[in-house]
């Protein structure tokens, strides 16, 4: 088995841990295999876009989502370490407004599956981080939305002791109570 998939506290959000083969030369693992992914999640997921970002320590990106053309995201870190977060923003969900977060790093090789209907964000804990993610739909800037990272109604326990660096769109993010959400 190439991957181990574990449900998080939000059952639709999955921790994906690949089998890593390593020795003194380095390591190898399959970062994505459509057959294994479909087998473990019980459905076929088609990715249409790959994204790559590099951020300095203290950069916080998110909490992002697209209100139309909702994206599922398979995220991982290939350099450094981040605290990655998914928030359920489906009003019909019994977990509406709840969040899950975990450390993703180049060393632990963990990936997180964030399905459509969830807002997503991360903060960089190392000197820098390179973050890769596959998406199930294209980026449509006119449909992109942002929920403020420190919304007290969500109460994310970010493992930071500093004021994060934010993009203008993230500083202007909505509180969940005012955000456009999924049905």
N, C-alpha and C. Protein backbone atom coordinates (compact mmCIF):
# COMPACT_ATOMS: atom_id res chain seq x y z
N UNK A 1 0.85 -1.18 0.00
CA UNK A 1 0.00 0.00 0.00
C UNK A 1 0.89 1.24 0.00
N UNK A 2 0.65 2.15 -0.95
CA UNK A 2 1.51 3.32 -1.10
C UNK A 2 1.16 4.46 -0.16
N UNK A 3 -0.11 4.51 0.30
CA UNK A 3 -0.51 5.59 1.20
C UNK A 3 -1.35 5.05 2.35
N UNK A 4 -1.31 5.79 3.44
CA UNK A 4 -2.21 5.54 4.56
C UNK A 4 -3.08 6.78 4.68
N UNK A 5 -4.39 6.60 4.71
CA UNK A 5 -5.32 7.71 4.79
C UNK A 5 -6.07 7.62 6.10
N UNK A 6 -6.08 8.72 6.84
CA UNK A 6 -6.71 8.77 8.15
C UNK A 6 -7.67 9.96 8.21
N UNK A 7 -8.88 9.73 8.68
CA UNK A 7 -9.83 10.82 8.87
C UNK A 7 -9.35 11.70 10.03
N UNK A 8 -9.59 13.00 9.90
CA UNK A 8 -9.27 13.93 10.98
C UNK A 8 -10.52 14.15 11.83
N UNK A 9 -10.47 15.11 12.72
CA UNK A 9 -11.63 15.45 13.54
C UNK A 9 -12.80 15.92 12.68
N UNK A 10 -12.52 16.42 11.49
CA UNK A 10 -13.54 16.72 10.49
C UNK A 10 -13.44 15.58 9.47
N UNK A 11 -14.35 14.61 9.51
CA UNK A 11 -14.18 13.35 8.79
C UNK A 11 -13.90 13.46 7.29
N UNK A 12 -14.39 14.52 6.64
CA UNK A 12 -14.14 14.67 5.21
C UNK A 12 -12.72 15.12 4.91
N UNK A 13 -12.08 15.75 5.87
CA UNK A 13 -10.68 16.19 5.72
C UNK A 13 -9.81 15.00 6.10
N UNK A 14 -8.90 14.64 5.21
CA UNK A 14 -8.11 13.42 5.41
C UNK A 14 -6.61 13.73 5.47
N UNK A 15 -5.94 13.04 6.39
CA UNK A 15 -4.49 13.05 6.44
C UNK A 15 -4.00 11.94 5.54
N UNK A 16 -3.14 12.27 4.59
CA UNK A 16 -2.60 11.30 3.64
C UNK A 16 -1.10 11.17 3.91
N UNK A 17 -0.68 9.97 4.27
CA UNK A 17 0.73 9.72 4.57
C UNK A 17 1.27 8.69 3.59
N UNK A 18 2.16 9.14 2.71
CA UNK A 18 2.72 8.21 1.73
C UNK A 18 3.75 7.29 2.37
N UNK A 19 3.93 6.14 1.75
CA UNK A 19 5.01 5.24 2.17
C UNK A 19 6.31 5.80 1.59
N UNK A 20 7.25 6.10 2.47
CA UNK A 20 8.51 6.72 2.07
C UNK A 20 9.61 5.67 2.11
N UNK A 21 10.32 5.55 1.02
CA UNK A 21 11.46 4.64 0.92
C UNK A 21 12.72 5.48 1.02
N UNK A 22 13.54 5.23 2.04
CA UNK A 22 14.73 6.04 2.20
C UNK A 22 15.94 5.24 2.63
N UNK A 23 17.09 5.76 2.29
CA UNK A 23 18.36 5.20 2.74
C UNK A 23 19.38 6.34 2.75
N UNK A 24 20.65 6.00 2.82
CA UNK A 24 21.68 7.03 2.93
C UNK A 24 21.74 7.95 1.70
N UNK A 25 21.17 7.52 0.59
CA UNK A 25 21.17 8.33 -0.63
C UNK A 25 20.09 9.40 -0.63
N UNK A 26 19.02 9.17 0.15
CA UNK A 26 17.89 10.08 0.15
C UNK A 26 16.60 9.32 0.33
N UNK A 27 15.54 9.75 -0.36
CA UNK A 27 14.25 9.09 -0.23
C UNK A 27 13.48 9.15 -1.55
N UNK A 28 12.43 8.33 -1.62
CA UNK A 28 11.50 8.31 -2.74
C UNK A 28 10.12 8.01 -2.20
N UNK A 29 9.10 8.69 -2.74
CA UNK A 29 7.72 8.32 -2.47
C UNK A 29 6.84 8.84 -3.60
N UNK A 30 5.69 8.18 -3.78
CA UNK A 30 4.69 8.66 -4.73
C UNK A 30 3.90 9.74 -4.02
N UNK A 31 3.96 10.96 -4.54
CA UNK A 31 3.21 12.04 -3.90
C UNK A 31 1.73 12.03 -4.31
N UNK A 32 1.43 11.37 -5.43
CA UNK A 32 0.04 11.22 -5.83
C UNK A 32 -0.08 10.03 -6.76
N UNK A 33 -1.11 9.22 -6.54
CA UNK A 33 -1.44 8.10 -7.39
C UNK A 33 -2.97 8.07 -7.46
N UNK A 34 -3.53 8.34 -8.62
CA UNK A 34 -4.99 8.47 -8.76
C UNK A 34 -5.72 7.21 -8.32
N UNK A 35 -5.18 6.05 -8.64
CA UNK A 35 -5.84 4.79 -8.27
C UNK A 35 -5.90 4.64 -6.75
N UNK A 36 -4.76 4.87 -6.06
CA UNK A 36 -4.74 4.76 -4.60
C UNK A 36 -5.64 5.81 -3.95
N UNK A 37 -5.59 7.01 -4.49
CA UNK A 37 -6.39 8.09 -3.92
C UNK A 37 -7.87 7.75 -4.02
N UNK A 38 -8.32 7.30 -5.19
CA UNK A 38 -9.73 6.94 -5.37
C UNK A 38 -10.12 5.76 -4.48
N UNK A 39 -9.23 4.78 -4.35
CA UNK A 39 -9.51 3.61 -3.52
C UNK A 39 -9.71 4.00 -2.06
N UNK A 40 -8.87 4.87 -1.55
CA UNK A 40 -8.93 5.22 -0.12
C UNK A 40 -10.01 6.24 0.21
N UNK A 41 -10.40 7.06 -0.76
CA UNK A 41 -11.42 8.06 -0.49
C UNK A 41 -12.77 7.68 -1.07
N UNK A 42 -12.82 6.54 -1.77
CA UNK A 42 -14.09 6.03 -2.26
C UNK A 42 -14.68 6.80 -3.42
N UNK A 43 -13.87 7.57 -4.12
CA UNK A 43 -14.37 8.32 -5.28
C UNK A 43 -13.19 8.72 -6.17
N UNK A 44 -13.54 9.04 -7.39
CA UNK A 44 -12.51 9.54 -8.30
C UNK A 44 -12.43 11.05 -8.15
N UNK A 45 -11.25 11.54 -7.94
CA UNK A 45 -11.00 12.97 -7.85
C UNK A 45 -10.11 13.33 -9.02
N UNK A 46 -10.54 14.32 -9.78
CA UNK A 46 -9.76 14.75 -10.93
C UNK A 46 -9.14 16.11 -10.60
N UNK A 47 -7.82 16.16 -10.66
CA UNK A 47 -7.12 17.41 -10.42
C UNK A 47 -6.86 18.10 -11.75
N UNK A 48 -7.05 19.41 -11.77
CA UNK A 48 -6.90 20.18 -13.01
C UNK A 48 -5.80 21.23 -12.94
N UNK A 49 -5.28 21.48 -11.75
CA UNK A 49 -4.30 22.55 -11.60
C UNK A 49 -3.36 22.22 -10.46
N UNK A 50 -2.07 22.48 -10.66
CA UNK A 50 -1.06 22.36 -9.60
C UNK A 50 -0.55 23.76 -9.27
N UNK A 51 -0.43 24.06 -7.98
CA UNK A 51 0.06 25.37 -7.53
C UNK A 51 1.28 25.17 -6.64
N UNK A 52 2.16 26.16 -6.65
CA UNK A 52 3.40 26.12 -5.88
C UNK A 52 3.62 27.52 -5.31
N UNK A 53 3.73 27.60 -3.98
CA UNK A 53 4.03 28.90 -3.37
C UNK A 53 5.25 28.76 -2.47
N UNK A 54 5.97 29.84 -2.33
CA UNK A 54 7.08 29.91 -1.39
C UNK A 54 6.81 31.11 -0.51
N UNK A 55 6.96 30.93 0.78
CA UNK A 55 6.65 31.99 1.73
C UNK A 55 7.71 32.03 2.82
N UNK A 56 7.93 33.21 3.36
CA UNK A 56 8.87 33.42 4.45
C UNK A 56 8.22 33.09 5.79
N UNK A 57 9.04 32.92 6.80
CA UNK A 57 8.53 32.65 8.16
C UNK A 57 7.54 33.74 8.56
N UNK A 58 6.45 33.29 9.14
CA UNK A 58 5.45 34.22 9.64
C UNK A 58 4.37 34.60 8.64
N UNK A 59 4.51 34.19 7.38
CA UNK A 59 3.47 34.47 6.40
C UNK A 59 2.28 33.55 6.67
N UNK A 60 1.10 34.14 6.70
CA UNK A 60 -0.13 33.38 6.85
C UNK A 60 -0.97 33.61 5.61
N UNK A 61 -1.32 32.54 4.94
CA UNK A 61 -2.15 32.62 3.74
C UNK A 61 -3.50 31.97 4.07
N UNK A 62 -4.57 32.72 3.85
CA UNK A 62 -5.90 32.17 4.09
C UNK A 62 -6.69 33.01 5.07
N UNK A 63 -7.80 32.53 5.28
CA UNK A 63 -8.48 31.27 4.98
C UNK A 63 -9.23 31.44 3.67
N UNK A 64 -8.83 30.72 2.62
CA UNK A 64 -9.33 30.91 1.27
C UNK A 64 -10.32 29.82 0.84
N UNK A 65 -11.21 30.21 -0.05
CA UNK A 65 -12.12 29.28 -0.72
C UNK A 65 -12.73 30.00 -1.91
N UNK A 66 -13.33 29.24 -2.81
CA UNK A 66 -14.08 29.80 -3.93
C UNK A 66 -15.55 29.46 -3.72
N UNK A 67 -16.39 30.50 -3.71
CA UNK A 67 -17.81 30.30 -3.46
C UNK A 67 -18.49 29.62 -4.64
N UNK A 68 -18.00 29.84 -5.85
CA UNK A 68 -18.40 29.07 -7.03
C UNK A 68 -17.15 28.38 -7.54
N UNK A 69 -17.32 27.27 -8.21
CA UNK A 69 -16.17 26.47 -8.65
C UNK A 69 -15.33 26.06 -7.43
N UNK A 70 -16.02 25.55 -6.42
CA UNK A 70 -15.34 25.15 -5.18
C UNK A 70 -14.21 24.16 -5.49
N UNK A 71 -13.10 24.35 -4.82
CA UNK A 71 -11.92 23.52 -5.08
C UNK A 71 -11.68 22.55 -3.94
N UNK A 72 -11.43 21.29 -4.30
CA UNK A 72 -10.81 20.36 -3.38
C UNK A 72 -9.31 20.55 -3.54
N UNK A 73 -8.56 20.40 -2.45
CA UNK A 73 -7.12 20.62 -2.51
C UNK A 73 -6.38 19.48 -1.81
N UNK A 74 -5.34 18.99 -2.47
CA UNK A 74 -4.41 18.05 -1.86
C UNK A 74 -3.12 18.83 -1.65
N UNK A 75 -2.77 19.10 -0.39
CA UNK A 75 -1.68 20.04 -0.07
C UNK A 75 -0.52 19.31 0.60
N UNK A 76 0.69 19.82 0.35
CA UNK A 76 1.89 19.27 0.98
C UNK A 76 2.99 20.31 0.98
N UNK A 77 4.00 20.07 1.79
CA UNK A 77 5.15 20.96 1.92
C UNK A 77 6.38 20.22 1.44
N UNK A 78 7.18 20.87 0.58
CA UNK A 78 8.41 20.23 0.10
C UNK A 78 9.67 20.90 0.65
N UNK A 79 9.50 22.03 1.32
CA UNK A 79 10.60 22.69 2.02
C UNK A 79 10.02 23.40 3.23
N UNK A 80 10.60 23.15 4.40
CA UNK A 80 10.16 23.85 5.59
C UNK A 80 9.00 23.18 6.30
N UNK A 81 8.24 24.03 7.05
CA UNK A 81 7.17 23.52 7.91
C UNK A 81 6.07 24.56 8.02
N UNK A 82 4.83 24.10 7.95
CA UNK A 82 3.67 24.98 8.11
C UNK A 82 2.68 24.34 9.07
N UNK A 83 1.83 25.18 9.63
CA UNK A 83 0.64 24.72 10.32
C UNK A 83 -0.50 24.94 9.35
N UNK A 84 -1.15 23.85 8.92
CA UNK A 84 -2.17 23.88 7.89
C UNK A 84 -3.55 23.70 8.50
N UNK A 85 -4.53 24.45 8.01
CA UNK A 85 -5.85 24.49 8.62
C UNK A 85 -6.95 24.35 7.57
N UNK A 86 -7.99 23.58 7.91
CA UNK A 86 -9.22 23.50 7.12
C UNK A 86 -10.39 23.83 8.04
N UNK A 87 -11.33 24.62 7.53
CA UNK A 87 -12.52 25.02 8.29
C UNK A 87 -13.76 24.63 7.49
N UNK A 88 -14.67 23.92 8.12
CA UNK A 88 -15.92 23.52 7.48
C UNK A 88 -16.83 24.74 7.37
N UNK A 89 -17.14 25.14 6.13
CA UNK A 89 -18.03 26.30 5.94
C UNK A 89 -19.28 25.90 5.16
N UNK A 90 -19.74 24.68 5.39
CA UNK A 90 -21.00 24.19 4.82
C UNK A 90 -22.08 24.36 5.89
N UNK A 91 -23.00 25.27 5.65
CA UNK A 91 -24.04 25.57 6.65
C UNK A 91 -24.86 24.35 7.05
N UNK A 92 -25.01 23.39 6.15
CA UNK A 92 -25.81 22.20 6.46
C UNK A 92 -25.03 21.16 7.26
N UNK A 93 -23.75 21.39 7.46
CA UNK A 93 -22.91 20.43 8.17
C UNK A 93 -23.04 20.58 9.68
N UNK A 94 -23.05 19.45 10.39
CA UNK A 94 -23.05 19.52 11.85
C UNK A 94 -21.71 20.04 12.37
N UNK A 95 -20.69 20.12 11.49
CA UNK A 95 -19.38 20.65 11.87
C UNK A 95 -19.13 22.06 11.35
N UNK A 96 -20.21 22.74 10.94
CA UNK A 96 -20.07 24.11 10.42
C UNK A 96 -19.28 24.98 11.41
N UNK A 97 -18.26 25.65 10.90
CA UNK A 97 -17.46 26.56 11.71
C UNK A 97 -16.36 25.88 12.50
N UNK A 98 -16.28 24.55 12.45
CA UNK A 98 -15.21 23.84 13.16
C UNK A 98 -13.98 23.73 12.27
N UNK A 99 -12.86 23.58 12.91
CA UNK A 99 -11.59 23.55 12.18
C UNK A 99 -10.74 22.37 12.62
N UNK A 100 -9.79 22.02 11.75
CA UNK A 100 -8.77 21.04 12.07
C UNK A 100 -7.45 21.61 11.55
N UNK A 101 -6.37 21.36 12.28
CA UNK A 101 -5.07 21.86 11.86
C UNK A 101 -3.98 20.86 12.19
N UNK A 102 -2.93 20.87 11.38
CA UNK A 102 -1.81 19.97 11.64
C UNK A 102 -0.55 20.50 10.99
N UNK A 103 0.56 20.00 11.50
CA UNK A 103 1.87 20.35 10.95
C UNK A 103 2.11 19.53 9.69
N UNK A 104 2.43 20.22 8.61
CA UNK A 104 2.90 19.59 7.38
C UNK A 104 4.33 20.08 7.17
N UNK A 105 5.22 19.16 6.83
CA UNK A 105 6.61 19.56 6.64
C UNK A 105 7.28 18.71 5.57
N UNK A 106 8.43 19.20 5.12
CA UNK A 106 9.23 18.42 4.17
C UNK A 106 9.71 17.14 4.83
N UNK A 107 9.90 17.17 6.13
CA UNK A 107 10.39 15.98 6.84
C UNK A 107 9.32 14.92 7.08
N UNK A 108 8.09 15.33 7.42
CA UNK A 108 7.09 14.31 7.72
C UNK A 108 6.32 13.83 6.49
N UNK A 109 6.47 14.52 5.35
CA UNK A 109 5.88 14.11 4.07
C UNK A 109 4.36 14.00 4.11
N UNK A 110 3.73 14.50 5.15
CA UNK A 110 2.28 14.42 5.25
C UNK A 110 1.61 15.32 4.22
N UNK A 111 0.42 14.89 3.81
CA UNK A 111 -0.41 15.67 2.91
C UNK A 111 -1.79 15.78 3.56
N UNK A 112 -2.51 16.81 3.18
CA UNK A 112 -3.87 16.98 3.69
C UNK A 112 -4.81 17.11 2.51
N UNK A 113 -5.90 16.32 2.55
CA UNK A 113 -6.96 16.45 1.56
C UNK A 113 -8.02 17.36 2.16
N UNK A 114 -8.22 18.52 1.52
CA UNK A 114 -9.22 19.50 1.93
C UNK A 114 -10.30 19.51 0.85
N UNK A 115 -11.46 18.92 1.12
CA UNK A 115 -12.48 18.81 0.07
C UNK A 115 -13.19 20.14 -0.19
N UNK A 116 -13.92 20.22 -1.31
CA UNK A 116 -14.75 21.40 -1.54
C UNK A 116 -15.69 21.62 -0.36
N UNK A 117 -15.98 22.88 -0.09
CA UNK A 117 -16.86 23.21 1.04
C UNK A 117 -16.10 23.61 2.29
N UNK A 118 -14.78 23.66 2.20
CA UNK A 118 -13.92 24.01 3.34
C UNK A 118 -13.04 25.20 2.97
N UNK A 119 -12.85 26.10 3.92
CA UNK A 119 -11.86 27.17 3.76
C UNK A 119 -10.51 26.60 4.18
N UNK A 120 -9.44 27.12 3.60
CA UNK A 120 -8.10 26.58 3.83
C UNK A 120 -7.09 27.70 4.05
N UNK A 121 -6.14 27.43 4.93
CA UNK A 121 -5.06 28.39 5.15
C UNK A 121 -3.89 27.72 5.84
N UNK A 122 -2.77 28.44 5.87
CA UNK A 122 -1.59 27.94 6.58
C UNK A 122 -0.71 29.09 7.01
N UNK A 123 0.10 28.82 8.03
CA UNK A 123 1.11 29.78 8.48
C UNK A 123 2.46 29.08 8.45
N UNK A 124 3.48 29.81 8.01
CA UNK A 124 4.83 29.26 7.90
C UNK A 124 5.54 29.35 9.24
N UNK A 125 6.02 28.20 9.72
CA UNK A 125 6.70 28.12 11.02
C UNK A 125 8.23 28.09 10.88
N UNK A 126 8.74 27.65 9.75
CA UNK A 126 10.19 27.57 9.50
C UNK A 126 10.67 28.88 8.85
N UNK A 127 11.96 28.97 8.57
CA UNK A 127 12.51 30.17 7.94
C UNK A 127 11.83 30.48 6.62
N UNK A 128 11.46 29.46 5.88
CA UNK A 128 10.67 29.60 4.66
C UNK A 128 10.00 28.25 4.42
N UNK A 129 9.05 28.25 3.51
CA UNK A 129 8.37 27.00 3.17
C UNK A 129 7.94 27.05 1.72
N UNK A 130 8.06 25.90 1.06
CA UNK A 130 7.50 25.74 -0.27
C UNK A 130 6.31 24.80 -0.13
N UNK A 131 5.20 25.26 -0.64
CA UNK A 131 3.90 24.62 -0.44
C UNK A 131 3.35 24.26 -1.82
N UNK A 132 3.00 22.98 -2.01
CA UNK A 132 2.43 22.53 -3.27
C UNK A 132 1.00 22.06 -3.04
N UNK A 133 0.14 22.35 -4.00
CA UNK A 133 -1.20 21.80 -3.89
C UNK A 133 -1.83 21.60 -5.26
N UNK A 134 -2.57 20.50 -5.32
CA UNK A 134 -3.35 20.14 -6.50
C UNK A 134 -4.78 20.58 -6.22
N UNK A 135 -5.47 21.08 -7.26
CA UNK A 135 -6.85 21.52 -7.07
C UNK A 135 -7.78 20.81 -8.06
N UNK A 136 -9.02 20.65 -7.63
CA UNK A 136 -10.02 19.97 -8.45
C UNK A 136 -10.78 20.92 -9.37
N UNK A 137 -10.53 22.21 -9.24
CA UNK A 137 -11.11 23.17 -10.17
C UNK A 137 -10.10 24.30 -10.35
N UNK A 138 -10.32 25.10 -11.38
CA UNK A 138 -9.40 26.19 -11.69
C UNK A 138 -9.61 27.36 -10.75
N UNK A 139 -8.64 28.25 -10.73
CA UNK A 139 -8.73 29.47 -9.93
C UNK A 139 -9.57 30.49 -10.68
N UNK A 140 -10.60 30.99 -10.02
CA UNK A 140 -11.45 32.04 -10.55
C UNK A 140 -11.41 33.19 -9.55
N UNK A 141 -10.59 34.21 -9.79
CA UNK A 141 -10.43 35.28 -8.80
C UNK A 141 -11.74 35.96 -8.42
N UNK A 142 -12.70 36.01 -9.35
CA UNK A 142 -13.97 36.66 -9.04
C UNK A 142 -14.81 35.87 -8.03
N UNK A 143 -14.48 34.59 -7.84
CA UNK A 143 -15.22 33.76 -6.89
C UNK A 143 -14.43 33.49 -5.60
N UNK A 144 -13.21 33.98 -5.55
CA UNK A 144 -12.38 33.74 -4.37
C UNK A 144 -12.89 34.57 -3.20
N UNK A 145 -12.89 33.95 -2.04
CA UNK A 145 -13.31 34.60 -0.80
C UNK A 145 -12.26 34.30 0.27
N UNK A 146 -12.28 35.12 1.32
CA UNK A 146 -11.34 34.93 2.42
C UNK A 146 -12.05 35.19 3.74
N UNK A 147 -11.84 34.30 4.67
CA UNK A 147 -12.32 34.48 6.04
C UNK A 147 -11.11 34.88 6.87
N UNK A 148 -11.28 35.84 7.73
CA UNK A 148 -10.17 36.35 8.52
C UNK A 148 -9.57 35.23 9.39
N UNK A 149 -8.26 35.19 9.45
CA UNK A 149 -7.53 34.10 10.10
C UNK A 149 -7.80 33.99 11.59
N UNK A 150 -8.12 35.10 12.23
CA UNK A 150 -8.28 35.10 13.69
C UNK A 150 -9.73 35.33 14.11
N UNK A 151 -10.67 34.86 13.32
CA UNK A 151 -12.09 34.99 13.64
C UNK A 151 -12.36 34.31 14.98
N UNK A 152 -12.82 35.07 15.98
CA UNK A 152 -13.05 34.46 17.30
C UNK A 152 -14.17 33.42 17.31
N UNK A 153 -15.08 33.49 16.34
CA UNK A 153 -16.15 32.49 16.27
C UNK A 153 -15.64 31.13 15.83
N UNK A 154 -14.54 31.11 15.09
CA UNK A 154 -13.90 29.85 14.69
C UNK A 154 -12.90 29.43 15.76
N UNK A 155 -12.09 30.35 16.22
CA UNK A 155 -11.17 30.09 17.34
C UNK A 155 -10.01 29.17 17.01
N UNK A 156 -9.41 29.36 15.85
CA UNK A 156 -8.25 28.53 15.48
C UNK A 156 -7.11 28.80 16.45
N UNK A 157 -6.53 27.73 16.95
CA UNK A 157 -5.40 27.82 17.88
C UNK A 157 -4.10 27.76 17.08
N UNK A 158 -3.77 28.87 16.42
CA UNK A 158 -2.54 28.93 15.63
C UNK A 158 -1.34 28.81 16.56
N UNK A 159 -0.37 27.96 16.27
CA UNK A 159 0.79 27.79 17.16
C UNK A 159 1.87 28.85 16.90
N UNK A 160 1.47 30.11 17.08
CA UNK A 160 2.40 31.21 16.82
C UNK A 160 2.39 32.18 17.99
N UNK A 161 3.51 32.85 18.16
CA UNK A 161 3.63 33.88 19.20
C UNK A 161 4.04 35.20 18.55
N UNK A 162 3.60 35.43 17.32
CA UNK A 162 3.93 36.63 16.57
C UNK A 162 2.72 37.04 15.75
N UNK A 163 2.73 38.27 15.30
CA UNK A 163 1.68 38.76 14.42
C UNK A 163 2.04 38.33 13.00
N UNK A 164 1.21 37.52 12.35
CA UNK A 164 1.58 37.02 11.02
C UNK A 164 1.55 38.10 9.95
N UNK A 165 2.30 37.85 8.88
CA UNK A 165 2.29 38.72 7.70
C UNK A 165 1.16 38.26 6.80
N UNK A 166 0.30 39.19 6.39
CA UNK A 166 -0.88 38.86 5.61
C UNK A 166 -0.92 39.65 4.31
N UNK A 167 -1.52 39.06 3.29
CA UNK A 167 -1.83 39.78 2.06
C UNK A 167 -3.00 40.71 2.34
N UNK A 168 -3.15 41.74 1.52
CA UNK A 168 -4.24 42.70 1.70
C UNK A 168 -5.59 42.00 1.68
N UNK A 169 -5.77 41.02 0.77
CA UNK A 169 -7.07 40.33 0.69
C UNK A 169 -7.36 39.55 1.97
N UNK A 170 -6.31 39.06 2.64
CA UNK A 170 -6.53 38.31 3.87
C UNK A 170 -6.79 39.25 5.05
N UNK A 171 -6.17 40.42 5.03
CA UNK A 171 -6.47 41.41 6.07
C UNK A 171 -7.92 41.86 5.98
N UNK A 172 -8.46 41.88 4.76
CA UNK A 172 -9.83 42.32 4.53
C UNK A 172 -10.83 41.17 4.57
N UNK A 173 -10.41 40.00 5.02
CA UNK A 173 -11.29 38.84 5.07
C UNK A 173 -12.51 39.07 5.94
N UNK A 174 -13.56 38.34 5.64
CA UNK A 174 -14.81 38.43 6.41
C UNK A 174 -14.74 37.57 7.66
N UNK A 175 -15.54 37.91 8.63
CA UNK A 175 -15.81 36.99 9.73
C UNK A 175 -16.76 35.93 9.19
N UNK A 176 -16.73 34.74 9.77
CA UNK A 176 -17.59 33.65 9.33
C UNK A 176 -19.06 34.05 9.34
N UNK A 177 -19.48 34.78 10.34
CA UNK A 177 -20.87 35.17 10.47
C UNK A 177 -21.34 36.02 9.29
N UNK A 178 -20.41 36.70 8.61
CA UNK A 178 -20.75 37.56 7.47
C UNK A 178 -20.31 36.96 6.14
N UNK A 179 -19.62 35.84 6.16
CA UNK A 179 -19.05 35.25 4.95
C UNK A 179 -20.10 34.55 4.10
N UNK A 180 -19.88 34.55 2.79
CA UNK A 180 -20.67 33.71 1.90
C UNK A 180 -20.21 32.28 2.15
N UNK A 181 -21.13 31.40 2.46
CA UNK A 181 -20.78 30.01 2.76
C UNK A 181 -21.55 29.08 1.83
N UNK A 182 -21.22 27.81 1.92
CA UNK A 182 -21.91 26.79 1.13
C UNK A 182 -23.17 26.34 1.85
N UNK A 183 -24.15 25.89 1.09
CA UNK A 183 -25.43 25.44 1.67
C UNK A 183 -25.24 24.24 2.57
